[in-house]
C-alpha atoms as a PDB file:
ATOM      1  CA  MET A   1     112.820  67.304 135.536  1.00  0.00           C
ATOM      2  CA  LYS A   2     109.904  67.835 137.993  1.00  0.00           C
ATOM      3  CA  THR A   3     107.479  70.528 136.395  1.00  0.00           C
ATOM      4  CA  LYS A   4     107.580  69.493 132.460  1.00  0.00           C
ATOM      5  CA  TRP A   5     107.051  66.690 130.471  1.00  0.00           C
ATOM      6  CA  GLY A   6     109.768  67.896 128.418  1.00  0.00           C
ATOM      7  CA  THR A   7     111.571  70.507 127.150  1.00  0.00           C
ATOM      8  CA  CYS A   8     113.289  72.126 123.710  1.00  0.00           C
ATOM      9  CA  ASN A   9     116.734  73.979 123.278  1.00  0.00           C
ATOM     10  CA  ILE A  10     116.032  75.290 119.929  1.00  0.00           C
ATOM     11  CA  LYS A  11     119.586  76.627 119.455  1.00  0.00           C
ATOM     12  CA  ALA A  12     121.197  73.448 120.405  1.00  0.00           C
ATOM     13  CA  GLN A  13     118.304  71.232 118.585  1.00  0.00           C
ATOM     14  CA  ARG A  14     117.905  69.228 121.420  1.00  0.00           C
ATOM     15  CA  ILE A  15     115.183  68.069 123.413  1.00  0.00           C
ATOM     16  CA  TRP A  16     114.850  66.360 127.007  1.00  0.00           C
ATOM     17  CA  LEU A  17     112.178  64.250 128.356  1.00  0.00           C
ATOM     18  CA  ASN A  18     110.864  63.700 131.621  1.00  0.00           C
ATOM     19  CA  LEU A  19     111.620  60.074 133.051  1.00  0.00           C
ATOM     20  CA  GLU A  20     108.085  59.604 134.339  1.00  0.00           C
ATOM     21  CA  LEU A  21     106.702  59.759 130.687  1.00  0.00           C
ATOM     22  CA  ALA A  22     108.055  55.965 130.905  1.00  0.00           C
ATOM     23  CA  LYS A  23     105.319  55.066 133.376  1.00  0.00           C
ATOM     24  CA  LYS A  24     102.582  56.813 130.919  1.00  0.00           C
ATOM     25  CA  PRO A  25     100.745  55.124 127.767  1.00  0.00           C
ATOM     26  CA  ALA A  26     102.914  55.272 124.568  1.00  0.00           C
ATOM     27  CA  HIS A  27     100.914  57.559 122.759  1.00  0.00           C
ATOM     28  CA  CYS A  28     101.572  60.007 125.575  1.00  0.00           C
ATOM     29  CA  LEU A  29     105.234  59.726 125.189  1.00  0.00           C
ATOM     30  CA  GLU A  30     104.661  60.031 121.368  1.00  0.00           C
ATOM     31  CA  TYR A  31     102.674  63.088 121.805  1.00  0.00           C
ATOM     32  CA  ILE A  32     105.597  64.941 124.053  1.00  0.00           C
ATOM     33  CA  VAL A  33     108.055  63.927 121.724  1.00  0.00           C
ATOM     34  CA  VAL A  34     105.928  65.107 118.534  1.00  0.00           C
ATOM     35  CA  HIS A  35     105.499  68.467 120.806  1.00  0.00           C
ATOM     36  CA  GLU A  36     108.984  69.330 121.174  1.00  0.00           C
ATOM     37  CA  LEU A  37     110.241  68.150 117.927  1.00  0.00           C
ATOM     38  CA  VAL A  38     107.608  70.887 116.580  1.00  0.00           C
ATOM     39  CA  HIS A  39     109.229  73.534 118.576  1.00  0.00           C
ATOM     40  CA  LEU A  40     112.211  72.872 116.123  1.00  0.00           C
ATOM     41  CA  LEU A  41     109.824  74.350 113.663  1.00  0.00           C
ATOM     42  CA  GLU A  42     107.984  76.874 115.665  1.00  0.00           C
ATOM     43  CA  ARG A  43     109.028  78.379 118.890  1.00  0.00           C
ATOM     44  CA  HIS A  44     105.686  79.530 120.288  1.00  0.00           C
ATOM     45  CA  HIS A  45     102.399  78.015 120.730  1.00  0.00           C
ATOM     46  CA  ASN A  46     101.066  80.137 117.966  1.00  0.00           C
ATOM     47  CA  GLU A  47      98.535  79.191 115.119  1.00  0.00           C
ATOM     48  CA  ARG A  48     101.495  77.836 113.211  1.00  0.00           C
ATOM     49  CA  PHE A  49     102.613  75.627 116.133  1.00  0.00           C
ATOM     50  CA  ILE A  50      98.975  74.334 116.176  1.00  0.00           C
ATOM     51  CA  ASN A  51      98.873  73.561 112.286  1.00  0.00           C
ATOM     52  CA  TYR A  52     102.051  71.374 112.731  1.00  0.00           C
ATOM     53  CA  MET A  53     100.921  69.370 115.579  1.00  0.00           C
ATOM     54  CA  ASN A  54      97.113  68.992 113.612  1.00  0.00           C
ATOM     55  CA  THR A  55      99.314  67.856 110.685  1.00  0.00           C
ATOM     56  CA  PHE A  56     101.466  65.486 112.540  1.00  0.00           C
ATOM     57  CA  MET A  57      99.293  64.434 114.925  1.00  0.00           C
ATOM     58  CA  PRO A  58      95.669  64.897 114.844  1.00  0.00           C
ATOM     59  CA  GLN A  59      94.814  63.640 118.234  1.00  0.00           C
ATOM     60  CA  TRP A  60      97.173  65.611 120.355  1.00  0.00           C
ATOM     61  CA  THR A  61      94.758  67.712 121.941  1.00  0.00           C
ATOM     62  CA  HIS A  62      93.274  64.404 123.580  1.00  0.00           C
ATOM     63  CA  TYR A  63      96.540  63.355 124.409  1.00  0.00           C
ATOM     64  CA  ARG A  64      97.353  66.521 125.811  1.00  0.00           C
ATOM     65  CA  GLN A  65      94.236  66.521 128.164  1.00  0.00           C
ATOM     66  CA  GLU A  66      95.115  63.153 129.327  1.00  0.00           C
ATOM     67  CA  LEU A  67      98.763  63.959 130.629  1.00  0.00           C
ATOM     68  CA  ASN A  68      97.284  67.231 132.088  1.00  0.00           C
ATOM     69  CA  ARG A  69      94.799  65.043 134.379  1.00  0.00           C
ATOM     70  CA  ALA A  70      97.715  62.573 135.296  1.00  0.00           C
ATOM     71  CA  PRO A  71     100.270  63.885 137.671  1.00  0.00           C
ATOM     72  CA  LEU A  72     103.517  64.556 136.830  1.00  0.00           C
ATOM     73  CA  GLY A  73     105.174  62.211 139.234  1.00  0.00           C
ATOM     74  CA  HIS A  74     104.104  60.199 142.130  1.00  0.00           C
ATOM     75  CA  GLU A  75     106.018  59.483 145.205  1.00  0.00           C
ATOM     76  CA  SER A  76     105.352  57.124 147.976  1.00  0.00           C
ATOM     77  CA  TRP A  77     106.973  57.509 151.477  1.00  0.00           C
ATOM     78  CA  ASP A  78     106.604  54.044 153.740  1.00  0.00           C
ATOM     79  CA  TYR A  79     107.904  54.508 157.361  1.00  0.00           C
END
């Protein structure tokens, strides 16, 4: 995964996580897991989705902002 932190297949009830999350703080990983699991309850980012997020992880907006400020991945090329 090069452009997303995570994704959810609702039909198969599976989530996939970007391995770059292993380099982030644990609360950021937890936020993505909760976010993707909430998609099993609500497909869209609507008011119902937000209510679930607020219930399960009240600080989720802070964690989302933290991840959005961070690069998805960092590659270093040595010559």
